Amino acid sequence: MPQLSPLPWVFSFMMVFMLFMSMLIVYFVKFKSMKMLNNELIKMMMWCW
């Protein structure tokens, strides 16, 4: 059934797209907060490293 095949792909693509958009929004918020709070950025960098 070729008509049923694309449905899961479209659903997975939508999910991935939504996740990507949410990640982008989170990155924007984090970037703004980092610009305001440089100390927090340094702490996060130290924690990541």
PDB file of N, CA and C in Angstrom:
ATOM      1  N   MET A   1       0.844  -1.198   0.000  1.00  0.00           N
ATOM      2  CA  MET A   1       0.000   0.000   0.000  1.00  0.00           C
ATOM      3  C   MET A   1       0.888   1.261   0.000  1.00  0.00           C
ATOM      4  N   PRO A   2       1.076   1.867  -1.135  1.00  0.00           N
ATOM      5  CA  PRO A   2       1.954   3.043  -1.197  1.00  0.00           C
ATOM      6  C   PRO A   2       1.332   4.294  -0.580  1.00  0.00           C
ATOM      7  N   GLN A   3      -0.005   4.317  -0.466  1.00  0.00           N
ATOM      8  CA  GLN A   3      -0.667   5.501   0.088  1.00  0.00           C
ATOM      9  C   GLN A   3      -0.472   5.590   1.604  1.00  0.00           C
ATOM     10  N   LEU A   4      -0.333   4.447   2.266  1.00  0.00           N
ATOM     11  CA  LEU A   4      -0.160   4.442   3.721  1.00  0.00           C
ATOM     12  C   LEU A   4       1.286   4.708   4.127  1.00  0.00           C
ATOM     13  N   SER A   5       2.196   4.493   3.219  1.00  0.00           N
ATOM     14  CA  SER A   5       3.622   4.608   3.534  1.00  0.00           C
ATOM     15  C   SER A   5       4.057   6.022   3.957  1.00  0.00           C
ATOM     16  N   PRO A   6       3.668   7.082   3.247  1.00  0.00           N
ATOM     17  CA  PRO A   6       4.181   8.417   3.599  1.00  0.00           C
ATOM     18  C   PRO A   6       3.666   8.971   4.919  1.00  0.00           C
ATOM     19  N   LEU A   7       2.576   8.419   5.427  1.00  0.00           N
ATOM     20  CA  LEU A   7       1.996   8.985   6.656  1.00  0.00           C
ATOM     21  C   LEU A   7       2.967   8.985   7.839  1.00  0.00           C
ATOM     22  N   PRO A   8       3.581   7.866   8.186  1.00  0.00           N
ATOM     23  CA  PRO A   8       4.534   7.881   9.313  1.00  0.00           C
ATOM     24  C   PRO A   8       5.712   8.812   9.073  1.00  0.00           C
ATOM     25  N   TRP A   9       6.152   8.904   7.827  1.00  0.00           N
ATOM     26  CA  TRP A   9       7.270   9.804   7.515  1.00  0.00           C
ATOM     27  C   TRP A   9       6.878  11.248   7.768  1.00  0.00           C
ATOM     28  N   VAL A  10       5.673  11.609   7.345  1.00  0.00           N
ATOM     29  CA  VAL A  10       5.199  12.989   7.551  1.00  0.00           C
ATOM     30  C   VAL A  10       5.066  13.276   9.042  1.00  0.00           C
ATOM     31  N   PHE A  11       4.530  12.319   9.781  1.00  0.00           N
ATOM     32  CA  PHE A  11       4.354  12.500  11.224  1.00  0.00           C
ATOM     33  C   PHE A  11       5.708  12.675  11.920  1.00  0.00           C
ATOM     34  N   SER A  12       6.660  11.822  11.562  1.00  0.00           N
ATOM     35  CA  SER A  12       7.997  11.908  12.162  1.00  0.00           C
ATOM     36  C   SER A  12       8.657  13.233  11.783  1.00  0.00           C
ATOM     37  N   PHE A  13       8.479  13.655  10.538  1.00  0.00           N
ATOM     38  CA  PHE A  13       9.047  14.932  10.100  1.00  0.00           C
ATOM     39  C   PHE A  13       8.450  16.091  10.894  1.00  0.00           C
ATOM     40  N   MET A  14       7.134  16.058  11.100  1.00  0.00           N
ATOM     41  CA  MET A  14       6.468  17.096  11.881  1.00  0.00           C
ATOM     42  C   MET A  14       7.011  17.132  13.305  1.00  0.00           C
ATOM     43  N   MET A  15       7.176  15.964  13.895  1.00  0.00           N
ATOM     44  CA  MET A  15       7.689  15.883  15.263  1.00  0.00           C
ATOM     45  C   MET A  15       9.100  16.453  15.338  1.00  0.00           C
ATOM     46  N   VAL A  16       9.934  16.057  14.386  1.00  0.00           N
ATOM     47  CA  VAL A  16      11.322  16.547  14.361  1.00  0.00           C
ATOM     48  C   VAL A  16      11.339  18.059  14.145  1.00  0.00           C
ATOM     49  N   PHE A  17      10.478  18.543  13.269  1.00  0.00           N
ATOM     50  CA  PHE A  17      10.409  19.983  12.995  1.00  0.00           C
ATOM     51  C   PHE A  17       9.993  20.753  14.247  1.00  0.00           C
ATOM     52  N   MET A  18       8.986  20.257  14.949  1.00  0.00           N
ATOM     53  CA  MET A  18       8.530  20.890  16.183  1.00  0.00           C
ATOM     54  C   MET A  18       9.641  20.896  17.227  1.00  0.00           C
ATOM     55  N   LEU A  19      10.340  19.785  17.341  1.00  0.00           N
ATOM     56  CA  LEU A  19      11.444  19.692  18.291  1.00  0.00           C
ATOM     57  C   LEU A  19      12.534  20.697  17.929  1.00  0.00           C
ATOM     58  N   PHE A  20      12.843  20.790  16.641  1.00  0.00           N
ATOM     59  CA  PHE A  20      13.864  21.729  16.178  1.00  0.00           C
ATOM     60  C   PHE A  20      13.455  23.166  16.491  1.00  0.00           C
ATOM     61  N   MET A  21      12.196  23.498  16.254  1.00  0.00           N
ATOM     62  CA  MET A  21      11.700  24.841  16.535  1.00  0.00           C
ATOM     63  C   MET A  21      11.785  25.155  18.026  1.00  0.00           C
ATOM     64  N   SER A  22      11.403  24.204  18.855  1.00  0.00           N
ATOM     65  CA  SER A  22      11.472  24.405  20.307  1.00  0.00           C
ATOM     66  C   SER A  22      12.922  24.604  20.746  1.00  0.00           C
ATOM     67  N   MET A  23      13.836  23.817  20.164  1.00  0.00           N
ATOM     68  CA  MET A  23      15.256  23.962  20.484  1.00  0.00           C
ATOM     69  C   MET A  23      15.745  25.349  20.074  1.00  0.00           C
ATOM     70  N   LEU A  24      15.304  25.810  18.922  1.00  0.00           N
ATOM     71  CA  LEU A  24      15.705  27.132  18.435  1.00  0.00           C
ATOM     72  C   LEU A  24      15.217  28.214  19.392  1.00  0.00           C
ATOM     73  N   ILE A  25      13.975  28.107  19.842  1.00  0.00           N
ATOM     74  CA  ILE A  25      13.409  29.090  20.777  1.00  0.00           C
ATOM     75  C   ILE A  25      14.205  29.076  22.078  1.00  0.00           C
ATOM     76  N   VAL A  26      14.516  27.876  22.561  1.00  0.00           N
ATOM     77  CA  VAL A  26      15.283  27.749  23.806  1.00  0.00           C
ATOM     78  C   VAL A  26      16.656  28.388  23.632  1.00  0.00           C
ATOM     79  N   TYR A  27      17.278  28.160  22.467  1.00  0.00           N
ATOM     80  CA  TYR A  27      18.592  28.750  22.210  1.00  0.00           C
ATOM     81  C   TYR A  27      18.501  30.272  22.200  1.00  0.00           C
ATOM     82  N   PHE A  28      17.447  30.818  21.590  1.00  0.00           N
ATOM     83  CA  PHE A  28      17.264  32.272  21.559  1.00  0.00           C
ATOM     84  C   PHE A  28      17.126  32.821  22.972  1.00  0.00           C
ATOM     85  N   VAL A  29      16.307  32.163  23.792  1.00  0.00           N
ATOM     86  CA  VAL A  29      16.087  32.612  25.173  1.00  0.00           C
ATOM     87  C   VAL A  29      17.391  32.536  25.955  1.00  0.00           C
ATOM     88  N   LYS A  30      18.134  31.442  25.758  1.00  0.00           N
ATOM     89  CA  LYS A  30      19.400  31.282  26.474  1.00  0.00           C
ATOM     90  C   LYS A  30      20.395  32.349  26.040  1.00  0.00           C
ATOM     91  N   PHE A  31      20.417  32.646  24.737  1.00  0.00           N
ATOM     92  CA  PHE A  31      21.343  33.665  24.225  1.00  0.00           C
ATOM     93  C   PHE A  31      21.037  35.020  24.843  1.00  0.00           C
ATOM     94  N   LYS A  32      19.755  35.374  24.919  1.00  0.00           N
ATOM     95  CA  LYS A  32      19.358  36.656  25.511  1.00  0.00           C
ATOM     96  C   LYS A  32      19.727  36.694  26.990  1.00  0.00           C
ATOM     97  N   SER A  33      19.465  35.595  27.695  1.00  0.00           N
ATOM     98  CA  SER A  33      19.781  35.546  29.122  1.00  0.00           C
ATOM     99  C   SER A  33      21.290  35.617  29.331  1.00  0.00           C
ATOM    100  N   MET A  34      22.056  34.993  28.421  1.00  0.00           N
ATOM    101  CA  MET A  34      23.516  35.035  28.522  1.00  0.00           C
ATOM    102  C   MET A  34      24.019  36.458  28.300  1.00  0.00           C
ATOM    103  N   LYS A  35      23.407  37.160  27.368  1.00  0.00           N
ATOM    104  CA  LYS A  35      23.804  38.550  27.117  1.00  0.00           C
ATOM    105  C   LYS A  35      23.576  39.394  28.363  1.00  0.00           C
ATOM    106  N   MET A  36      22.476  39.131  29.071  1.00  0.00           N
ATOM    107  CA  MET A  36      22.163  39.895  30.274  1.00  0.00           C
ATOM    108  C   MET A  36      23.024  39.446  31.455  1.00  0.00           C
ATOM    109  N   LEU A  37      23.242  38.111  31.562  1.00  0.00           N
ATOM    110  CA  LEU A  37      23.979  37.563  32.699  1.00  0.00           C
ATOM    111  C   LEU A  37      25.226  36.842  32.196  1.00  0.00           C
ATOM    112  N   ASN A  38      26.340  37.563  32.152  1.00  0.00           N
ATOM    113  CA  ASN A  38      27.589  36.956  31.692  1.00  0.00           C
ATOM    114  C   ASN A  38      28.136  35.976  32.723  1.00  0.00           C
ATOM    115  N   ASN A  39      27.880  36.236  33.993  1.00  0.00           N
ATOM    116  CA  ASN A  39      28.357  35.335  35.044  1.00  0.00           C
ATOM    117  C   ASN A  39      27.734  33.955  34.897  1.00  0.00           C
ATOM    118  N   GLU A  40      26.464  33.916  34.578  1.00  0.00           N
ATOM    119  CA  GLU A  40      25.785  32.635  34.378  1.00  0.00           C
ATOM    120  C   GLU A  40      26.408  31.889  33.205  1.00  0.00           C
ATOM    121  N   LEU A  41      26.770  32.623  32.160  1.00  0.00           N
ATOM    122  CA  LEU A  41      27.409  32.010  30.992  1.00  0.00           C
ATOM    123  C   LEU A  41      28.734  31.383  31.393  1.00  0.00           C
ATOM    124  N   ILE A  42      29.523  32.097  32.171  1.00  0.00           N
ATOM    125  CA  ILE A  42      30.816  31.572  32.620  1.00  0.00           C
ATOM    126  C   ILE A  42      30.608  30.318  33.458  1.00  0.00           C
ATOM    127  N   LYS A  43      29.614  30.339  34.346  1.00  0.00           N
ATOM    128  CA  LYS A  43      29.333  29.167  35.178  1.00  0.00           C
ATOM    129  C   LYS A  43      28.916  27.982  34.315  1.00  0.00           C
ATOM    130  N   MET A  44      28.066  28.242  33.320  1.00  0.00           N
ATOM    131  CA  MET A  44      27.622  27.168  32.430  1.00  0.00           C
ATOM    132  C   MET A  44      28.807  26.606  31.644  1.00  0.00           C
ATOM    133  N   MET A  45      29.691  27.485  31.172  1.00  0.00           N
ATOM    134  CA  MET A  45      30.867  27.037  30.421  1.00  0.00           C
ATOM    135  C   MET A  45      31.755  26.172  31.303  1.00  0.00           C
ATOM    136  N   MET A  46      31.963  26.608  32.534  1.00  0.00           N
ATOM    137  CA  MET A  46      32.790  25.837  33.472  1.00  0.00           C
ATOM    138  C   MET A  46      32.145  24.485  33.747  1.00  0.00           C
ATOM    139  N   TRP A  47      30.810  24.475  33.898  1.00  0.00           N
ATOM    140  CA  TRP A  47      30.092  23.230  34.174  1.00  0.00           C
ATOM    141  C   TRP A  47      30.177  22.299  32.978  1.00  0.00           C
ATOM    142  N   CYS A  48      30.032  22.861  31.764  1.00  0.00           N
ATOM    143  CA  CYS A  48      30.095  22.024  30.551  1.00  0.00           C
ATOM    144  C   CYS A  48      31.496  21.448  30.378  1.00  0.00           C
ATOM    145  N   TRP A  49      32.520  22.244  30.607  1.00  0.00           N
ATOM    146  CA  TRP A  49      33.897  21.765  30.452  1.00  0.00           C
ATOM    147  C   TRP A  49      34.283  20.914  31.652  1.00  0.00           C
TER     148      TRP A  49
END
